[in-house]
Amino acid sequence: MAPAATTEEFPVSLDSHTLSSKQATVTASVLHGPLDLRLETRSLEQPSIGELQIQIKSTGICGSDVSYYKKFANGDLCACAPLSLGHESAGVVVGIGPQVNGFAIGDKVALEVGIPCGQCGICRKGRYNLCKKMKFRSSAKSVPHFQGTLQERINHPAIWCHKIPEHVSFDAAALLEPLSVAIHSVNRAAPTPGSTALVIGAGTVGLLVAAMARQSGCTFVTIMDIDAGRVNYAISNGFATHGYVVPKPLHSSASSSSIYISGTSTPASSDGVMTPLSSYSSISDRLDGAKAVAADVLAVARPDMLTLNEDEDDGVDVTFECTGKEACMQTSLYATKPGGKVIMVGMGTPIQTVPLSAAHLREVDILGIFRYANTYQTGIRLLAGKGPMKLPSLDNMVTHKFKGLGAAKKAFELAGRTVDDEGNLVLKVVIEA
């Protein structure tokens, strides 16, 4: 595609800050502390060897971004310097550094924002997501912090910029990042055609995991969440075949874990009876609660399945736990059949009390997930797919859009909620250029 034709379609703002000068200035949204988000001007060099300069067009707000915004930390990672957030991004090539081939000014790209060393043993095995020297945009793990994508333009290694088809929107391309988590999760699970799956958590990642489980050939995919709006969205938009809604969880002050009681299958009412916390004062009681939830959620899809043989064990072949909550991990072990797999997708409570014997004695494999590797090209092909194998619309997952970096604070405030002021579902919030 000729650069002139492409730049006409996606005009770039170079004016006085042209790439012909050695240094330009860009506006960036920068977090200085909890809830302390500021607009700043930064210097930006020309792209160096192997780099592209990308004008950011769309950035989705992730749960980790919201955590940094609220606490200036994400789990055990505490920011020690100002940090630009954002890592679910897509944009347009506006500058090309030396020794870069295959790109033209105006190319639409999705950014893979984790940069491994490429030299260590784990990188050479292709599992670069586990590289100890990984730098990941908007994460405080590396010092100095690798700044995120909530900036007008950034320089990024060309090998981690993925060209996207013209008909794919920037918002959908930005969601290739959470889609990659889903692809990696299903790759690790390796379900066989006709398998059954349970997805716990109907956020962005949970929805995409459910969609990928269906893509992989899982016949019945049940999704479970405490939010009825999200479960209903999953069913009505084809992400899952069945849904289960549980009431708002109770939280244990000792472990910050969610305790689920009774629930209903969608689309019936999600009202439930809240049980006093004292009723779950012991580990045994909490595990009994998890068993009960597992039994209830398994019952949702059972009427649509063929009658089980008397000697066939109840449970799903694969459970994807996408919340990181202790109670959900307990439920996942009880909901998975002997010989099945539990995939730990969500990052949450670091130390949990779980019934390991339920996995050990039934040979339930527990597999961890950390980000993704070698997934973007698969994701791009899925976005370009047609017919019955086409993914549910990623554009429709974007429920709220904010224009410009100046609106970032409002975007973060909304992204931490499940409904907006009008009572509408909040699923994915993006900030567009």
Protein backbone atom coordinates (compact mmCIF):
# COMPACT_ATOMS: atom_id res chain seq x y z
CA MET A 1 0.00 0.00 0.00
CA ALA A 2 1.41 3.40 -0.96
CA PRO A 3 2.31 5.55 2.06
CA ALA A 4 0.64 8.65 0.58
CA ALA A 5 -2.70 6.90 0.18
CA THR A 6 -2.60 5.52 3.71
CA THR A 7 -1.67 8.76 5.43
CA GLU A 8 -4.59 10.47 3.72
CA GLU A 9 -6.93 7.98 5.33
CA PHE A 10 -5.27 8.27 8.76
CA PRO A 11 -3.87 11.81 9.01
CA VAL A 12 -1.03 12.24 11.49
CA SER A 13 -0.38 15.32 13.57
CA LEU A 14 3.19 16.24 12.83
CA ASP A 15 2.89 20.06 12.36
CA SER A 16 5.77 21.72 14.24
CA HIS A 17 6.86 18.46 15.86
CA THR A 18 8.08 16.78 12.71
CA LEU A 19 10.03 13.58 12.66
CA SER A 20 12.76 15.30 10.67
CA SER A 21 13.93 16.95 13.90
CA LYS A 22 15.93 14.90 16.36
CA GLN A 23 13.42 15.35 19.13
CA ALA A 24 9.69 16.01 19.34
CA THR A 25 7.35 16.75 22.21
CA VAL A 26 4.26 14.69 22.99
CA THR A 27 1.48 14.86 25.55
CA ALA A 28 1.23 11.99 28.01
CA SER A 29 -1.16 10.98 30.79
CA VAL A 30 1.05 10.31 33.81
CA LEU A 31 0.15 8.79 37.18
CA HIS A 32 2.09 10.29 40.13
CA GLY A 33 0.28 8.54 42.95
CA PRO A 34 -3.13 7.12 43.89
CA LEU A 35 -5.78 9.01 41.87
CA ASP A 36 -3.12 11.59 40.90
CA LEU A 37 -3.31 11.60 37.11
CA ARG A 38 -1.71 14.51 35.23
CA LEU A 39 -1.20 15.63 31.65
CA GLU A 40 2.46 16.28 30.92
CA THR A 41 4.68 17.10 27.97
CA ARG A 42 7.49 14.68 27.25
CA SER A 43 10.35 14.60 24.79
CA LEU A 44 10.36 11.88 22.17
CA GLU A 45 13.41 10.97 20.13
CA GLN A 46 13.26 9.78 16.57
CA PRO A 47 12.77 5.99 16.35
CA SER A 48 16.10 4.26 16.74
CA ILE A 49 17.40 1.14 15.02
CA GLY A 50 14.63 -1.46 14.75
CA GLU A 51 11.91 0.86 16.04
CA LEU A 52 8.71 2.37 14.72
CA GLN A 53 7.09 5.53 15.95
CA ILE A 54 3.40 4.90 16.57
CA GLN A 55 0.65 7.46 16.91
CA ILE A 56 -1.67 5.86 19.48
CA LYS A 57 -5.28 5.75 18.31
CA SER A 58 -7.01 3.58 20.92
CA THR A 59 -6.11 2.26 24.36
CA GLY A 60 -8.31 -0.05 26.41
CA ILE A 61 -8.26 0.24 30.19
CA CYS A 62 -7.32 -3.01 31.91
CA GLY A 63 -8.02 -4.07 35.48
CA SER A 64 -4.32 -3.71 36.30
CA ASP A 65 -4.45 -0.10 35.06
CA VAL A 66 -7.37 0.60 37.39
CA SER A 67 -5.42 -0.96 40.28
CA TYR A 68 -2.43 1.30 39.63
CA TYR A 69 -4.75 4.31 39.32
CA LYS A 70 -6.42 3.62 42.66
CA LYS A 71 -3.46 2.36 44.70
CA PHE A 72 -0.31 3.25 42.69
CA ALA A 73 0.28 -0.49 42.87
CA ASN A 74 -0.89 -3.72 41.29
CA GLY A 75 -0.67 -6.66 43.63
CA ASP A 76 2.86 -6.79 44.99
CA LEU A 77 4.17 -4.34 42.36
CA CYS A 78 4.37 -0.80 43.71
CA ALA A 79 5.27 2.10 41.43
CA CYS A 80 8.25 4.10 42.63
CA ALA A 81 8.19 6.80 39.93
CA PRO A 82 5.64 8.53 37.69
CA LEU A 83 4.06 6.02 35.32
CA SER A 84 2.03 6.29 32.14
CA LEU A 85 -0.61 3.59 32.12
CA GLY A 86 -2.13 1.67 29.21
CA HIS A 87 -1.04 -1.46 27.37
CA GLU A 88 -4.04 -2.51 25.26
CA SER A 89 -3.30 -0.34 22.25
CA ALA A 90 -3.37 0.14 18.51
CA GLY A 91 -2.26 2.99 16.29
CA VAL A 92 -0.68 4.20 13.07
CA VAL A 93 2.95 4.15 11.95
CA VAL A 94 4.22 7.75 11.70
CA GLY A 95 7.96 7.12 11.76
CA ILE A 96 10.30 4.33 10.70
CA GLY A 97 13.71 3.80 12.25
CA PRO A 98 16.81 2.42 10.53
CA GLN A 99 16.96 -1.26 9.59
CA VAL A 100 13.19 -1.69 9.68
CA ASN A 101 11.57 -3.44 6.73
CA GLY A 102 7.99 -4.36 5.89
CA PHE A 103 6.29 -1.24 7.24
CA ALA A 104 5.07 1.95 5.61
CA ILE A 105 3.93 5.28 6.98
CA GLY A 106 0.22 4.97 7.72
CA ASP A 107 0.17 1.23 8.44
CA LYS A 108 -2.37 0.26 11.10
CA VAL A 109 -0.77 -1.78 13.87
CA ALA A 110 -1.60 -3.47 17.15
CA LEU A 111 1.09 -3.28 19.80
CA GLU A 112 2.44 -6.25 21.71
CA VAL A 113 3.82 -4.33 24.65
CA GLY A 114 5.92 -6.94 26.44
CA ILE A 115 9.56 -6.79 25.34
CA PRO A 116 11.63 -9.87 26.33
CA CYS A 117 15.40 -10.13 26.13
CA GLY A 118 15.22 -12.67 23.30
CA GLN A 119 18.47 -14.30 24.42
CA CYS A 120 17.76 -16.37 27.53
CA GLY A 121 16.86 -20.04 27.54
CA ILE A 122 13.14 -19.47 28.10
CA CYS A 123 13.02 -16.98 25.20
CA ARG A 124 14.78 -19.42 22.91
CA LYS A 125 12.14 -22.01 23.81
CA GLY A 126 9.46 -19.61 22.58
CA ARG A 127 7.98 -18.94 26.02
CA TYR A 128 9.18 -15.35 26.08
CA ASN A 129 6.30 -14.27 28.31
CA LEU A 130 8.25 -15.86 31.18
CA CYS A 131 11.50 -13.98 30.46
CA LYS A 132 13.01 -12.62 33.69
CA LYS A 133 14.17 -9.51 31.86
CA MET A 134 10.76 -8.80 30.35
CA LYS A 135 9.81 -5.12 30.16
CA PHE A 136 6.06 -4.60 29.97
CA ARG A 137 4.49 -1.23 29.29
CA SER A 138 2.53 0.27 32.21
CA SER A 139 4.04 -2.22 34.67
CA ALA A 140 6.08 -1.17 37.69
CA LYS A 141 8.02 -4.44 37.68
CA SER A 142 11.01 -3.07 35.80
CA VAL A 143 12.93 -0.01 37.06
CA PRO A 144 12.97 2.49 35.49
CA HIS A 145 9.35 1.72 34.70
CA PHE A 146 8.46 0.96 31.08
CA GLN A 147 6.00 3.72 30.27
CA GLY A 148 2.54 2.79 28.99
CA THR A 149 0.69 3.78 25.85
CA LEU A 150 -1.43 6.66 27.16
CA GLN A 151 0.76 9.03 25.21
CA GLU A 152 0.27 10.74 21.86
CA ARG A 153 3.13 8.83 20.27
CA ILE A 154 5.66 6.25 21.36
CA ASN A 155 8.65 4.48 19.86
CA HIS A 156 8.26 0.70 19.90
CA PRO A 157 10.30 -2.22 18.50
CA ALA A 158 9.02 -3.07 15.04
CA ILE A 159 9.07 -6.81 15.72
CA TRP A 160 6.40 -6.25 18.38
CA CYS A 161 4.16 -4.17 16.11
CA HIS A 162 1.61 -6.27 14.23
CA LYS A 163 -0.06 -4.98 11.08
CA ILE A 164 -3.83 -5.29 11.07
CA PRO A 165 -6.31 -5.41 8.17
CA GLU A 166 -7.91 -2.18 7.04
CA HIS A 167 -11.41 -3.25 8.07
CA VAL A 168 -10.41 -3.96 11.68
CA SER A 169 -11.11 -0.96 13.93
CA PHE A 170 -8.50 0.49 16.26
CA ASP A 171 -10.69 -0.41 19.25
CA ALA A 172 -10.90 -4.06 18.19
CA ALA A 173 -7.16 -4.10 17.46
CA ALA A 174 -6.46 -2.78 20.96
CA LEU A 175 -8.45 -5.70 22.36
CA LEU A 176 -6.03 -8.10 20.69
CA GLU A 177 -4.09 -7.82 23.96
CA PRO A 178 -6.75 -9.41 26.22
CA LEU A 179 -7.70 -11.70 23.33
CA SER A 180 -4.11 -12.93 23.40
CA VAL A 181 -4.52 -13.87 27.06
CA ALA A 182 -7.57 -15.90 26.05
CA ILE A 183 -5.77 -17.58 23.14
CA HIS A 184 -2.84 -18.48 25.37
CA SER A 185 -5.19 -19.85 28.02
CA VAL A 186 -6.99 -22.13 25.57
CA ASN A 187 -3.68 -23.18 24.01
CA ARG A 188 -2.51 -24.28 27.44
CA ALA A 189 -5.79 -26.07 28.13
CA ALA A 190 -5.78 -27.84 24.74
CA PRO A 191 -9.43 -28.96 24.92
CA THR A 192 -10.53 -31.63 22.47
CA PRO A 193 -13.60 -31.21 20.23
CA GLY A 194 -16.78 -31.90 22.15
CA SER A 195 -15.29 -30.89 25.49
CA THR A 196 -17.21 -29.00 28.15
CA ALA A 197 -15.89 -25.86 29.81
CA LEU A 198 -16.66 -23.54 32.70
CA VAL A 199 -15.42 -19.95 32.76
CA ILE A 200 -15.47 -18.22 36.14
CA GLY A 201 -15.57 -14.45 35.73
CA ALA A 202 -17.32 -12.57 32.90
CA GLY A 203 -15.06 -9.58 32.54
CA THR A 204 -13.27 -8.82 29.29
CA VAL A 205 -10.79 -11.68 29.64
CA GLY A 206 -13.44 -14.14 30.83
CA LEU A 207 -15.70 -13.32 27.88
CA LEU A 208 -12.85 -13.76 25.43
CA VAL A 209 -11.75 -17.02 27.09
CA ALA A 210 -15.30 -18.32 26.69
CA ALA A 211 -15.33 -17.30 23.02
CA MET A 212 -11.99 -19.01 22.42
CA ALA A 213 -13.20 -22.16 24.22
CA ARG A 214 -16.10 -22.29 21.76
CA GLN A 215 -13.67 -21.68 18.89
CA SER A 216 -11.59 -24.64 20.05
CA GLY A 217 -14.57 -26.98 19.81
CA CYS A 218 -16.02 -26.97 23.32
CA THR A 219 -19.68 -27.88 22.85
CA PHE A 220 -20.96 -26.46 26.13
CA VAL A 221 -19.36 -23.36 27.67
CA THR A 222 -20.89 -22.07 30.89
CA ILE A 223 -19.86 -18.66 32.18
CA MET A 224 -20.32 -17.63 35.80
CA ASP A 225 -20.22 -14.21 37.44
CA ILE A 226 -21.79 -12.19 40.24
CA ASP A 227 -22.99 -9.58 37.74
CA ALA A 228 -26.18 -10.58 35.92
CA GLY A 229 -25.63 -7.95 33.23
CA ARG A 230 -22.31 -9.45 32.21
CA VAL A 231 -23.60 -13.02 32.21
CA ASN A 232 -26.61 -12.03 30.12
CA TYR A 233 -24.31 -10.16 27.74
CA ALA A 234 -22.17 -13.28 27.35
CA ILE A 235 -25.16 -15.44 26.44
CA SER A 236 -26.94 -12.97 24.17
CA ASN A 237 -23.79 -12.19 22.20
CA GLY A 238 -22.63 -15.76 21.70
CA PHE A 239 -19.61 -15.82 23.99
CA ALA A 240 -20.98 -18.76 26.00
CA THR A 241 -23.77 -21.28 25.70
CA HIS A 242 -24.96 -21.12 29.32
CA GLY A 243 -24.71 -18.73 32.21
CA TYR A 244 -24.87 -18.80 35.98
CA VAL A 245 -25.34 -15.75 38.20
CA VAL A 246 -24.42 -15.72 41.87
CA PRO A 247 -25.29 -12.98 44.36
CA LYS A 248 -22.81 -10.36 45.43
CA PRO A 249 -20.06 -12.09 47.36
CA LEU A 250 -19.28 -11.69 51.01
CA HIS A 251 -15.68 -10.84 51.74
CA SER A 252 -13.54 -12.30 54.45
CA SER A 253 -11.41 -9.66 56.13
CA ALA A 254 -8.69 -12.23 56.68
CA SER A 255 -8.22 -13.30 53.11
CA SER A 256 -10.19 -10.81 51.00
CA SER A 257 -11.67 -13.81 49.29
CA SER A 258 -15.16 -13.93 47.91
CA ILE A 259 -17.62 -16.34 49.48
CA TYR A 260 -20.43 -17.42 47.23
CA ILE A 261 -23.70 -18.79 48.48
CA SER A 262 -26.64 -19.60 46.26
CA GLY A 263 -27.30 -18.45 42.74
CA THR A 264 -29.54 -18.73 39.73
CA SER A 265 -28.97 -19.59 36.13
CA THR A 266 -29.40 -16.85 33.58
CA PRO A 267 -31.72 -15.33 32.45
CA ALA A 268 -33.74 -15.85 35.62
CA SER A 269 -33.55 -13.41 38.50
CA SER A 270 -30.20 -13.20 40.26
CA ASP A 271 -31.71 -12.47 43.66
CA GLY A 272 -30.34 -14.71 46.37
CA VAL A 273 -30.34 -15.00 50.14
CA MET A 274 -27.24 -13.60 51.76
CA THR A 275 -25.89 -15.80 54.50
CA PRO A 276 -24.22 -14.17 57.51
CA LEU A 277 -20.44 -14.33 57.44
CA SER A 278 -20.44 -16.26 60.70
CA SER A 279 -21.98 -19.18 58.86
CA TYR A 280 -18.73 -19.50 56.93
CA SER A 281 -16.40 -19.04 59.84
CA SER A 282 -14.47 -22.23 59.22
CA ILE A 283 -12.52 -23.48 56.24
CA SER A 284 -14.75 -26.53 56.10
CA ASP A 285 -17.85 -24.37 55.77
CA ARG A 286 -16.26 -22.28 53.00
CA LEU A 287 -15.29 -25.40 51.09
CA ASP A 288 -18.82 -26.76 51.49
CA GLY A 289 -20.05 -23.48 50.00
CA ALA A 290 -17.70 -23.89 47.06
CA LYS A 291 -18.93 -27.45 46.53
CA ALA A 292 -22.52 -26.23 46.51
CA VAL A 293 -21.78 -23.53 43.95
CA ALA A 294 -19.94 -26.07 41.78
CA ALA A 295 -22.95 -28.38 41.89
CA ASP A 296 -25.32 -25.53 41.02
CA VAL A 297 -23.29 -24.25 38.10
CA LEU A 298 -22.85 -27.73 36.66
CA ALA A 299 -26.60 -28.21 36.77
CA VAL A 300 -27.16 -25.26 34.43
CA ALA A 301 -25.97 -26.97 31.24
CA ARG A 302 -26.90 -30.53 32.21
CA PRO A 303 -30.45 -30.48 30.75
CA ASP A 304 -29.00 -29.75 27.30
CA MET A 305 -26.41 -32.49 27.43
CA LEU A 306 -26.93 -36.10 26.50
CA THR A 307 -27.79 -38.31 29.46
CA LEU A 308 -24.64 -39.20 31.32
CA ASN A 309 -23.70 -42.81 31.68
CA GLU A 310 -24.16 -44.01 35.21
CA ASP A 311 -20.43 -44.49 35.60
CA GLU A 312 -19.50 -41.13 34.08
CA ASP A 313 -18.24 -38.52 36.51
CA ASP A 314 -19.93 -35.17 36.82
CA GLY A 315 -17.96 -32.02 36.06
CA VAL A 316 -16.51 -30.13 33.11
CA ASP A 317 -13.42 -31.06 31.16
CA VAL A 318 -11.80 -27.65 31.60
CA THR A 319 -12.40 -24.82 34.06
CA PHE A 320 -10.92 -21.40 33.35
CA GLU A 321 -10.65 -19.42 36.59
CA CYS A 322 -10.49 -15.76 35.53
CA THR A 323 -10.95 -13.89 38.82
CA GLY A 324 -8.01 -14.87 41.02
CA LYS A 325 -10.36 -15.12 44.01
CA GLU A 326 -9.89 -17.89 46.56
CA ALA A 327 -13.53 -18.98 46.58
CA CYS A 328 -13.54 -19.18 42.80
CA MET A 329 -10.41 -21.32 42.77
CA GLN A 330 -12.03 -23.64 45.29
CA THR A 331 -15.14 -23.87 43.14
CA SER A 332 -13.10 -24.57 40.02
CA LEU A 333 -11.46 -27.62 41.57
CA TYR A 334 -14.82 -29.07 42.60
CA ALA A 335 -16.44 -28.30 39.25
CA THR A 336 -13.81 -30.09 37.15
CA LYS A 337 -14.18 -33.79 36.41
CA PRO A 338 -11.47 -36.35 37.22
CA GLY A 339 -8.69 -36.11 34.67
CA GLY A 340 -9.72 -32.58 33.72
CA LYS A 341 -7.84 -29.29 33.88
CA VAL A 342 -8.10 -26.07 35.84
CA ILE A 343 -6.52 -23.09 34.10
CA MET A 344 -5.52 -20.26 36.42
CA VAL A 345 -6.06 -17.17 34.28
CA GLY A 346 -6.92 -14.48 36.83
CA MET A 347 -4.29 -12.92 39.07
CA GLY A 348 -5.71 -12.18 42.51
CA THR A 349 -5.18 -13.41 46.05
CA PRO A 350 -1.53 -14.58 46.12
CA ILE A 351 -1.91 -16.99 49.06
CA GLN A 352 -5.04 -19.14 49.08
CA THR A 353 -6.55 -22.06 50.96
CA VAL A 354 -7.67 -24.56 48.34
CA PRO A 355 -8.68 -28.26 48.48
CA LEU A 356 -5.63 -29.70 46.76
CA SER A 357 -6.79 -33.24 47.45
CA ALA A 358 -9.71 -32.58 45.09
CA ALA A 359 -7.10 -32.16 42.37
CA HIS A 360 -4.49 -34.62 43.58
CA LEU A 361 -6.71 -37.66 44.11
CA ARG A 362 -8.66 -37.07 40.89
CA GLU A 363 -5.69 -36.13 38.70
CA VAL A 364 -7.01 -32.68 37.92
CA ASP A 365 -4.20 -30.72 36.31
CA ILE A 366 -3.70 -27.13 37.51
CA LEU A 367 -2.04 -24.94 34.91
CA GLY A 368 -0.94 -21.34 35.36
CA ILE A 369 -1.26 -18.54 32.82
CA PHE A 370 0.97 -15.49 32.64
CA ARG A 371 0.11 -13.09 29.84
CA TYR A 372 0.74 -14.73 26.45
CA ALA A 373 3.29 -15.69 23.81
CA ASN A 374 3.04 -16.21 20.05
CA THR A 375 -0.63 -15.26 19.93
CA TYR A 376 -1.03 -12.00 18.02
CA GLN A 377 -1.05 -13.41 14.50
CA THR A 378 -3.67 -15.94 15.57
CA GLY A 379 -5.72 -13.13 17.06
CA ILE A 380 -5.50 -11.05 13.90
CA ARG A 381 -6.67 -13.96 11.78
CA LEU A 382 -9.58 -14.49 14.17
CA LEU A 383 -10.58 -10.82 13.90
CA ALA A 384 -10.55 -11.13 10.12
CA GLY A 385 -12.60 -14.34 10.17
CA LYS A 386 -15.97 -14.76 8.53
CA GLY A 387 -18.91 -17.12 8.78
CA PRO A 388 -19.79 -19.36 11.71
CA MET A 389 -16.23 -19.38 13.06
CA LYS A 390 -16.13 -15.59 13.38
CA LEU A 391 -15.58 -14.27 16.89
CA PRO A 392 -18.32 -12.28 18.60
CA SER A 393 -17.82 -8.58 17.90
CA LEU A 394 -14.97 -7.06 19.87
CA ASP A 395 -16.20 -3.59 18.92
CA ASN A 396 -19.46 -4.29 20.75
CA MET A 397 -17.47 -5.10 23.89
CA VAL A 398 -16.41 -1.45 24.01
CA THR A 399 -19.28 0.00 26.00
CA HIS A 400 -17.77 3.42 26.73
CA LYS A 401 -15.37 5.66 24.78
CA PHE A 402 -13.53 8.76 25.94
CA LYS A 403 -11.91 11.25 23.58
CA GLY A 404 -8.39 12.44 24.27
CA LEU A 405 -5.88 11.97 27.07
CA GLY A 406 -7.49 14.79 29.02
CA ALA A 407 -10.47 12.51 29.67
CA ALA A 408 -8.32 9.74 31.15
CA LYS A 409 -9.33 10.40 34.77
CA LYS A 410 -13.03 10.05 33.94
CA ALA A 411 -12.26 6.91 31.97
CA PHE A 412 -10.42 5.31 34.89
CA GLU A 413 -13.18 6.19 37.32
CA LEU A 414 -15.76 4.51 35.10
CA ALA A 415 -13.59 1.48 34.31
CA GLY A 416 -13.63 0.51 37.97
CA ARG A 417 -17.42 0.15 37.93
CA THR A 418 -19.82 -2.43 36.50
CA VAL A 419 -22.58 0.04 35.56
CA ASP A 420 -22.55 3.72 34.65
CA ASP A 421 -24.70 6.48 36.15
CA GLU A 422 -27.57 5.54 33.82
CA GLY A 423 -27.43 1.91 34.86
CA ASN A 424 -25.83 0.74 31.60
CA LEU A 425 -23.35 -2.15 31.60
CA VAL A 426 -19.69 -1.14 31.79
CA LEU A 427 -17.53 -3.75 30.10
CA LYS A 428 -14.59 -2.25 28.23
CA VAL A 429 -13.64 1.40 28.44
CA VAL A 430 -11.29 2.85 25.81
CA ILE A 431 -9.53 6.17 25.39
CA GLU A 432 -9.36 7.23 21.76
CA ALA A 433 -7.10 9.84 20.19
